[in-house]
Amino acid sequence: MSMTLVALYLSVLLLLLLGLLELTTHRRNLNRIRLRIHVNGTRGKSSVTRLIAAGLREGGIRTCAKTTGTLPRMILDDGREFPVFRPSRANIIEQRRIVSTAAAYRAEALVVECMAIQPALQSLSELKLIRSTHGVITNARADHLDAMGPTEQDIAKALAGTTPVNGHLFTTDDRFRDEFAAACSDRHSVHHPVTSHDAAYVSDDDLRRFSYTEHRDNVALALSVCEACGVDRQVALRGMWRAKPDPGALTECRVDFFGRRIYFVNGFAANDPESTGYIWKLMLEKRQRVDRRVAIFNCRADRPERSEQLGKASATWPRADRYLLIGGGTYLFAKAATDAGLPINDFVFAEDLPVSEIFETIIGLCSQSTLVMGMGNIGGPGLELVDYFHNRSALDRD
């Protein structure tokens, strides 16, 4: 046997041994964390991850968490947050580093937001990387149809890939209870559907005590998980009220600009038609007395299907006075919206403009009192615009 082949065999053997060592270390780290909670869903993953972690911490359980939404963050057991370092693009393998960090901090619980989109990778994340004791699915809505579709039922089945083995699964979307129950049966887990009846126990007063607009279903879901982990409901709620919101959370600020009062709503993170339409109607109801309504849609050229979905859906919602399109590929949104019946004259295009010029454009569209709501995508100019308004705001809430 030549020396070259010997060297090749030894290299392969070394790689196998290193892989086995890495797997053994990862499994040992997982076993050191008593509660492993894997949060999946179309909307609300980051918020629910933070809510559960805050509730568990308040209950005296040493808890770390990791969100992947607007800005990837590692949240330590004392609530401190640090950005997740990514040398290149997002990769599910980074979850291994998160588990290692949580184990190093002697966490009793780890709450992790699922970062995979492809169905096979969602299942791989659960079965190999997280191996959760408690799974959570916030909802199943029409987004990422190219990867998980074409129907919402297909999305529900894809999301069910993060169902634990011999664990517990908590869900809120009653439309797909059969799909989630089947996944639980397959993996020998207990299904805990959180219903509208459960959500009704979250009072309006409970919701008012959040520093941002939180959804009743999210709170009910997080409370159910915390209670299953042994934390009293009121104790968990107290922790949730103090939790720092995700940068993509639904927030509102007021800007007074030379006699013009502008209520700016950050709804960028709700980027499926159902969630976006719901929030738009919610804000219109809250700000019924404003003189004008400006809808901002942040488009992405690499998400053409999302732009077309939102454009078509926007024509069925209560009308805005102006539609400001920012980001890239805005013509796809405009075409879908105008084909569905919105007048082209209602659109203002600010594609690829810097945020300072977008802000000036918005000011030009405002009257004495105006509701301005951002939708579509939080990335790119979306988050920058949120910061731009909040840095000039008079009040966080009004």
Protein backbone atom coordinates (compact mmCIF):
# COMPACT_ATOMS: atom_id res chain seq x y z
CA MET A 1 0.00 0.00 0.00
CA SER A 2 1.42 3.36 -1.01
CA MET A 3 2.15 6.09 1.53
CA THR A 4 -0.47 8.25 -0.15
CA LEU A 5 -3.25 5.75 0.54
CA VAL A 6 -2.06 5.28 4.11
CA ALA A 7 -2.17 9.03 4.66
CA LEU A 8 -5.65 9.17 3.12
CA TYR A 9 -6.96 6.37 5.35
CA LEU A 10 -5.46 7.98 8.45
CA SER A 11 -7.03 11.34 7.51
CA VAL A 12 -10.46 9.77 7.10
CA LEU A 13 -10.07 7.91 10.40
CA LEU A 14 -9.05 11.11 12.16
CA LEU A 15 -12.07 12.95 10.76
CA LEU A 16 -14.38 10.17 11.91
CA LEU A 17 -12.87 10.21 15.40
CA LEU A 18 -13.19 14.01 15.60
CA GLY A 19 -16.80 13.79 14.45
CA LEU A 20 -17.56 11.13 17.05
CA LEU A 21 -15.91 13.22 19.76
CA GLU A 22 -17.91 16.28 18.70
CA LEU A 23 -21.17 14.31 18.72
CA THR A 24 -20.40 12.83 22.15
CA THR A 25 -19.63 16.27 23.56
CA HIS A 26 -22.82 17.72 22.11
CA ARG A 27 -24.96 14.91 23.50
CA ARG A 28 -23.33 15.35 26.91
CA ASN A 29 -24.09 19.10 26.82
CA LEU A 30 -27.72 18.41 25.90
CA ASN A 31 -28.11 15.95 28.77
CA ARG A 32 -26.84 18.57 31.22
CA ILE A 33 -29.81 20.83 30.34
CA ARG A 34 -32.97 19.49 31.97
CA LEU A 35 -35.51 21.50 29.94
CA ARG A 36 -34.91 22.02 26.23
CA ILE A 37 -37.66 24.01 24.50
CA HIS A 38 -37.69 24.31 20.70
CA VAL A 39 -39.92 27.10 19.35
CA ASN A 40 -41.14 26.95 15.74
CA GLY A 41 -43.92 28.54 13.69
CA THR A 42 -44.59 31.12 11.01
CA ARG A 43 -45.06 34.21 13.19
CA GLY A 44 -44.20 35.06 16.77
CA LYS A 45 -41.29 32.66 17.33
CA SER A 46 -38.93 35.28 18.73
CA SER A 47 -41.57 36.81 21.00
CA VAL A 48 -42.68 33.44 22.37
CA THR A 49 -39.06 32.38 22.92
CA ARG A 50 -38.45 35.52 25.00
CA LEU A 51 -41.72 35.14 26.89
CA ILE A 52 -41.06 31.53 27.87
CA ALA A 53 -37.47 32.29 28.92
CA ALA A 54 -38.58 35.29 31.01
CA GLY A 55 -41.32 33.27 32.70
CA LEU A 56 -38.96 30.41 33.57
CA ARG A 57 -36.32 32.80 34.92
CA GLU A 58 -38.91 34.47 37.13
CA GLY A 59 -39.80 31.04 38.45
CA GLY A 60 -36.23 30.51 39.64
CA ILE A 61 -35.13 28.24 36.78
CA ARG A 62 -31.69 29.13 35.43
CA THR A 63 -32.58 29.76 31.77
CA CYS A 64 -30.70 30.69 28.62
CA ALA A 65 -32.39 31.48 25.31
CA LYS A 66 -31.55 32.13 21.69
CA THR A 67 -33.60 34.07 19.16
CA THR A 68 -33.05 34.08 15.43
CA GLY A 69 -35.60 36.66 14.24
CA THR A 70 -34.81 40.31 13.59
CA LEU A 71 -31.35 40.14 15.15
CA PRO A 72 -29.92 36.80 16.33
CA ARG A 73 -29.35 37.02 20.08
CA MET A 74 -28.05 34.79 22.87
CA ILE A 75 -29.85 35.64 26.11
CA LEU A 76 -28.08 34.54 29.27
CA ASP A 77 -29.62 33.44 32.55
CA ASP A 78 -29.42 36.98 34.00
CA GLY A 79 -31.19 38.51 30.98
CA ARG A 80 -28.08 39.96 29.34
CA GLU A 81 -28.06 39.71 25.54
CA PHE A 82 -25.23 39.22 23.09
CA PRO A 83 -25.25 39.03 19.28
CA VAL A 84 -24.73 35.60 17.77
CA PHE A 85 -21.50 35.67 15.77
CA ARG A 86 -21.86 34.36 12.23
CA PRO A 87 -18.68 34.15 10.14
CA SER A 88 -20.79 33.79 7.00
CA ARG A 89 -24.45 32.96 6.33
CA ALA A 90 -26.85 31.56 8.91
CA ASN A 91 -26.39 27.83 9.43
CA ILE A 92 -28.31 25.50 11.74
CA ILE A 93 -25.00 24.10 13.02
CA GLU A 94 -24.69 27.27 15.12
CA GLN A 95 -27.29 25.73 17.45
CA ARG A 96 -24.53 23.44 18.67
CA ARG A 97 -22.59 26.48 19.93
CA ILE A 98 -25.73 27.73 21.67
CA VAL A 99 -26.18 24.41 23.50
CA SER A 100 -22.50 24.45 24.51
CA THR A 101 -22.79 28.00 25.87
CA ALA A 102 -25.95 27.19 27.83
CA ALA A 103 -24.29 24.11 29.33
CA ALA A 104 -21.23 26.19 30.28
CA TYR A 105 -23.54 28.56 32.19
CA ARG A 106 -25.10 25.55 33.92
CA ALA A 107 -28.51 26.35 32.50
CA GLU A 108 -31.39 24.23 33.73
CA ALA A 109 -33.46 25.32 30.72
CA LEU A 110 -32.67 26.39 27.16
CA VAL A 111 -35.31 28.01 24.94
CA VAL A 112 -34.28 28.01 21.27
CA GLU A 113 -36.00 29.52 18.26
CA CYS A 114 -35.93 27.25 15.22
CA MET A 115 -33.86 28.82 12.46
CA ALA A 116 -34.46 26.28 9.68
CA ILE A 117 -36.90 26.80 6.80
CA GLN A 118 -36.45 23.69 4.67
CA PRO A 119 -38.61 20.87 6.10
CA ALA A 120 -35.73 18.38 6.22
CA LEU A 121 -33.55 20.85 8.11
CA GLN A 122 -36.32 21.59 10.60
CA SER A 123 -36.55 17.91 11.45
CA LEU A 124 -32.76 17.59 11.55
CA SER A 125 -32.53 20.56 13.93
CA GLU A 126 -34.87 18.83 16.35
CA LEU A 127 -33.70 15.24 16.10
CA LYS A 128 -29.94 15.90 16.08
CA LEU A 129 -29.23 19.37 17.46
CA ILE A 130 -31.88 20.27 20.07
CA ARG A 131 -33.59 17.00 21.05
CA SER A 132 -36.17 19.03 22.91
CA THR A 133 -38.25 18.02 25.91
CA HIS A 134 -40.91 20.58 24.94
CA GLY A 135 -41.77 21.67 21.40
CA VAL A 136 -43.75 24.80 20.54
CA ILE A 137 -45.48 25.72 17.26
CA THR A 138 -46.90 29.25 17.32
CA ASN A 139 -48.97 29.05 14.09
CA ALA A 140 -48.87 27.88 10.46
CA ARG A 141 -49.48 30.64 7.93
CA ALA A 142 -48.82 31.36 4.27
CA ASP A 143 -45.13 32.28 4.20
CA HIS A 144 -42.07 30.64 2.63
CA LEU A 145 -44.44 28.78 0.34
CA ASP A 146 -41.56 28.07 -2.06
CA ALA A 147 -39.82 26.00 0.62
CA MET A 148 -42.69 24.58 2.67
CA GLY A 149 -45.81 25.04 0.52
CA PRO A 150 -47.74 25.18 -1.62
CA THR A 151 -50.55 25.07 0.98
CA GLU A 152 -50.82 26.07 4.64
CA GLN A 153 -51.43 22.42 5.46
CA ASP A 154 -48.03 21.61 3.92
CA ILE A 155 -46.51 24.34 6.08
CA ALA A 156 -48.09 22.84 9.20
CA LYS A 157 -46.64 19.43 8.34
CA ALA A 158 -43.20 20.97 7.79
CA LEU A 159 -43.33 22.80 11.11
CA ALA A 160 -44.34 19.57 12.83
CA GLY A 161 -40.84 18.33 12.00
CA THR A 162 -39.70 19.91 15.27
CA THR A 163 -42.06 17.74 17.34
CA PRO A 164 -40.04 16.19 20.21
CA VAL A 165 -39.50 12.47 20.66
CA ASN A 166 -41.09 11.26 23.92
CA GLY A 167 -41.82 14.84 24.93
CA HIS A 168 -44.54 17.49 24.81
CA LEU A 169 -45.78 19.65 21.93
CA PHE A 170 -47.70 22.92 22.50
CA THR A 171 -49.63 24.47 19.60
CA THR A 172 -52.24 27.19 19.05
CA ASP A 173 -53.43 26.74 15.46
CA ASP A 174 -56.66 24.69 15.74
CA ARG A 175 -56.93 24.41 11.95
CA PHE A 176 -54.10 21.87 11.90
CA ARG A 177 -54.71 20.03 15.14
CA ASP A 178 -54.90 16.71 13.27
CA GLU A 179 -51.50 17.26 11.62
CA PHE A 180 -49.85 18.14 14.92
CA ALA A 181 -51.56 15.25 16.73
CA ALA A 182 -50.32 12.82 14.05
CA ALA A 183 -46.75 14.08 14.49
CA CYS A 184 -47.04 13.58 18.26
CA SER A 185 -48.36 10.06 17.77
CA ASP A 186 -45.47 9.26 15.44
CA ARG A 187 -42.87 10.51 17.92
CA HIS A 188 -44.65 9.32 21.08
CA SER A 189 -45.16 12.82 22.46
CA VAL A 190 -48.11 14.42 24.26
CA HIS A 191 -50.01 17.07 22.31
CA HIS A 192 -51.12 20.17 24.26
CA PRO A 193 -53.37 22.32 22.03
CA VAL A 194 -53.71 25.84 23.48
CA THR A 195 -57.20 26.94 22.44
CA SER A 196 -59.04 30.25 22.17
CA HIS A 197 -60.65 29.33 25.49
CA ASP A 198 -57.18 29.27 27.07
CA ALA A 199 -56.27 32.57 25.43
CA ALA A 200 -59.40 34.18 26.89
CA TYR A 201 -57.84 33.81 30.34
CA VAL A 202 -55.21 36.34 29.30
CA SER A 203 -57.03 39.55 30.20
CA ASP A 204 -56.83 42.97 28.59
CA ASP A 205 -55.18 44.20 31.77
CA ASP A 206 -52.53 41.48 31.43
CA LEU A 207 -51.76 42.68 27.90
CA ARG A 208 -51.67 46.36 28.88
CA ARG A 209 -48.82 45.69 31.29
CA PHE A 210 -46.45 44.83 28.43
CA SER A 211 -44.22 47.68 27.22
CA TYR A 212 -45.13 46.79 23.64
CA THR A 213 -48.11 45.25 21.85
CA GLU A 214 -48.11 41.54 22.59
CA HIS A 215 -50.59 39.05 21.15
CA ARG A 216 -52.95 37.17 23.43
CA ASP A 217 -52.23 33.82 21.76
CA ASN A 218 -48.48 34.24 22.27
CA VAL A 219 -48.92 34.93 25.98
CA ALA A 220 -51.32 32.01 26.44
CA LEU A 221 -48.94 29.67 24.65
CA ALA A 222 -45.92 30.80 26.68
CA LEU A 223 -47.86 30.53 29.94
CA SER A 224 -48.91 26.95 29.11
CA VAL A 225 -45.28 25.95 28.58
CA CYS A 226 -44.12 27.67 31.78
CA GLU A 227 -46.87 26.00 33.82
CA ALA A 228 -45.91 22.61 32.36
CA CYS A 229 -42.35 23.29 33.53
CA GLY A 230 -43.55 23.99 37.07
CA VAL A 231 -43.80 27.78 37.14
CA ASP A 232 -46.91 29.40 38.59
CA ARG A 233 -48.96 31.41 36.10
CA GLN A 234 -48.76 34.74 37.93
CA VAL A 235 -45.06 34.33 38.58
CA ALA A 236 -44.45 33.63 34.88
CA LEU A 237 -46.56 36.64 33.86
CA ARG A 238 -44.57 38.91 36.15
CA GLY A 239 -41.38 37.85 34.42
CA MET A 240 -42.92 38.27 30.96
CA TRP A 241 -43.98 41.85 31.71
CA ARG A 242 -40.36 42.69 32.50
CA ALA A 243 -38.91 40.93 29.47
CA LYS A 244 -37.07 42.93 26.85
CA PRO A 245 -39.03 42.77 23.55
CA ASP A 246 -37.50 41.53 20.33
CA PRO A 247 -36.47 44.36 17.95
CA GLY A 248 -39.15 43.07 15.60
CA ALA A 249 -41.92 43.24 18.21
CA LEU A 250 -45.02 45.30 17.42
CA THR A 251 -44.22 48.72 18.88
CA GLU A 252 -45.58 52.23 18.42
CA CYS A 253 -43.98 55.62 18.93
CA ARG A 254 -45.10 59.21 18.43
CA VAL A 255 -43.09 61.82 16.57
CA ASP A 256 -44.02 65.52 16.70
CA PHE A 257 -42.57 67.21 13.65
CA PHE A 258 -43.28 70.93 13.11
CA GLY A 259 -46.95 70.71 14.03
CA ARG A 260 -47.47 67.24 12.58
CA ARG A 261 -48.20 64.35 14.92
CA ILE A 262 -47.07 61.02 13.51
CA TYR A 263 -47.88 57.66 15.10
CA PHE A 264 -45.33 55.22 13.74
CA VAL A 265 -46.01 51.50 14.11
CA ASN A 266 -43.32 48.87 13.63
CA GLY A 267 -45.22 46.02 11.99
CA PHE A 268 -42.35 45.01 9.71
CA ALA A 269 -41.86 41.58 11.29
CA ALA A 270 -45.39 40.45 10.38
CA ASN A 271 -44.74 39.55 6.78
CA ASP A 272 -47.46 37.03 5.91
CA PRO A 273 -50.80 38.37 4.63
CA GLU A 274 -52.91 37.09 7.53
CA SER A 275 -50.75 38.56 10.31
CA THR A 276 -50.10 41.81 8.44
CA GLY A 277 -53.76 42.41 7.65
CA TYR A 278 -54.73 41.73 11.26
CA ILE A 279 -52.20 44.23 12.63
CA TRP A 280 -53.15 46.88 10.05
CA LYS A 281 -56.81 46.64 11.07
CA LEU A 282 -55.86 46.64 14.74
CA MET A 283 -53.91 49.88 14.38
CA LEU A 284 -56.60 51.55 12.28
CA GLU A 285 -59.10 50.78 15.01
CA LYS A 286 -56.78 52.17 17.66
CA ARG A 287 -56.06 55.38 15.74
CA GLN A 288 -59.48 56.09 14.28
CA ARG A 289 -59.17 59.85 14.71
CA VAL A 290 -56.06 60.45 12.59
CA ASP A 291 -56.40 62.53 9.42
CA ARG A 292 -54.27 60.27 7.20
CA ARG A 293 -53.04 56.72 6.98
CA VAL A 294 -49.76 55.78 5.30
CA ALA A 295 -48.86 52.12 4.73
CA ILE A 296 -45.16 51.39 4.18
CA PHE A 297 -44.18 48.12 2.58
CA ASN A 298 -40.53 47.10 2.72
CA CYS A 299 -40.01 44.75 -0.24
CA ARG A 300 -37.18 42.32 -0.91
CA ALA A 301 -36.09 41.44 -4.42
CA ASP A 302 -35.15 37.94 -3.20
CA ARG A 303 -38.67 37.37 -1.82
CA PRO A 304 -40.80 37.98 -4.94
CA GLU A 305 -43.57 35.61 -3.84
CA ARG A 306 -43.98 37.47 -0.54
CA SER A 307 -44.23 40.82 -2.34
CA GLU A 308 -46.89 39.47 -4.66
CA GLN A 309 -48.85 37.90 -1.78
CA LEU A 310 -48.86 41.08 0.28
CA GLY A 311 -49.62 43.26 -2.75
CA LYS A 312 -52.67 41.22 -3.65
CA ALA A 313 -53.85 40.99 -0.04
CA SER A 314 -53.44 44.72 0.64
CA ALA A 315 -56.23 45.48 -1.84
CA THR A 316 -58.67 43.59 0.40
CA TRP A 317 -57.80 45.51 3.58
CA PRO A 318 -59.16 48.91 4.67
CA ARG A 319 -57.61 51.50 2.37
CA ALA A 320 -54.62 53.65 3.20
CA ASP A 321 -54.34 57.17 1.83
CA ARG A 322 -50.87 56.44 0.47
CA TYR A 323 -48.73 53.34 -0.02
CA LEU A 324 -45.00 53.94 0.27
CA LEU A 325 -42.83 51.17 -1.22
CA ILE A 326 -39.23 50.83 -0.04
CA GLY A 327 -36.52 48.18 -0.34
CA GLY A 328 -36.03 46.30 -3.62
CA GLY A 329 -38.29 44.75 -6.25
CA THR A 330 -41.15 47.10 -5.36
CA TYR A 331 -42.69 46.81 -8.82
CA LEU A 332 -43.81 43.24 -7.98
CA PHE A 333 -45.83 44.49 -5.02
CA ALA A 334 -47.24 47.42 -7.00
CA LYS A 335 -48.30 45.23 -9.92
CA ALA A 336 -50.05 42.69 -7.68
CA ALA A 337 -51.80 45.46 -5.74
CA THR A 338 -52.95 47.41 -8.79
CA ASP A 339 -54.08 44.24 -10.55
CA ALA A 340 -56.20 43.58 -7.45
CA GLY A 341 -57.79 47.02 -7.64
CA LEU A 342 -55.66 49.63 -5.85
CA PRO A 343 -55.14 52.86 -7.85
CA ILE A 344 -51.57 53.35 -9.06
CA ASN A 345 -51.77 57.03 -8.05
CA ASP A 346 -51.93 55.97 -4.40
CA PHE A 347 -48.38 54.56 -4.61
CA VAL A 348 -45.16 56.39 -3.83
CA PHE A 349 -41.90 54.65 -4.77
CA ALA A 350 -38.78 55.07 -2.64
CA GLU A 351 -36.85 52.00 -3.79
CA ASP A 352 -33.19 51.85 -2.69
CA LEU A 353 -33.33 55.30 -1.07
CA PRO A 354 -31.34 55.89 2.14
CA VAL A 355 -33.39 56.01 5.34
CA SER A 356 -32.92 59.76 5.74
CA GLU A 357 -34.60 60.34 2.37
CA ILE A 358 -37.32 57.79 3.15
CA PHE A 359 -38.05 59.71 6.35
CA GLU A 360 -38.32 62.97 4.41
CA THR A 361 -40.67 61.28 1.94
CA ILE A 362 -42.87 60.08 4.79
CA ILE A 363 -43.00 63.57 6.30
CA GLY A 364 -44.18 64.90 2.95
CA LEU A 365 -47.08 62.40 2.98
CA CYS A 366 -48.23 63.31 6.50
CA SER A 367 -50.90 65.77 7.58
CA GLN A 368 -51.68 67.18 11.03
CA SER A 369 -52.16 63.69 12.51
CA THR A 370 -51.07 60.56 10.63
CA LEU A 371 -50.80 56.85 11.26
CA VAL A 372 -47.70 55.43 9.57
CA MET A 373 -47.22 51.66 9.69
CA GLY A 374 -44.29 49.64 8.37
CA MET A 375 -44.94 46.15 6.99
CA GLY A 376 -43.39 43.52 4.76
CA ASN A 377 -39.87 42.82 6.05
CA ILE A 378 -37.79 43.98 9.01
CA GLY A 379 -34.47 43.59 7.19
CA GLY A 380 -32.58 46.29 5.29
CA PRO A 381 -34.24 49.71 5.60
CA GLY A 382 -37.01 48.32 7.82
CA LEU A 383 -35.04 48.13 11.07
CA GLU A 384 -33.15 51.31 10.21
CA LEU A 385 -36.43 53.16 9.77
CA VAL A 386 -37.70 51.85 13.12
CA ASP A 387 -34.57 53.22 14.82
CA TYR A 388 -34.89 56.49 12.92
CA PHE A 389 -38.40 57.08 14.25
CA HIS A 390 -37.74 55.87 17.78
CA ASN A 391 -34.70 58.15 18.06
CA ARG A 392 -37.01 61.09 17.29
CA SER A 393 -40.01 59.95 19.29
CA ALA A 394 -41.77 61.98 21.97
CA LEU A 395 -43.32 58.96 23.70
CA ASP A 396 -42.87 55.22 23.39
CA ARG A 397 -46.59 54.74 23.88
CA ASP A 398 -49.51 57.12 23.87
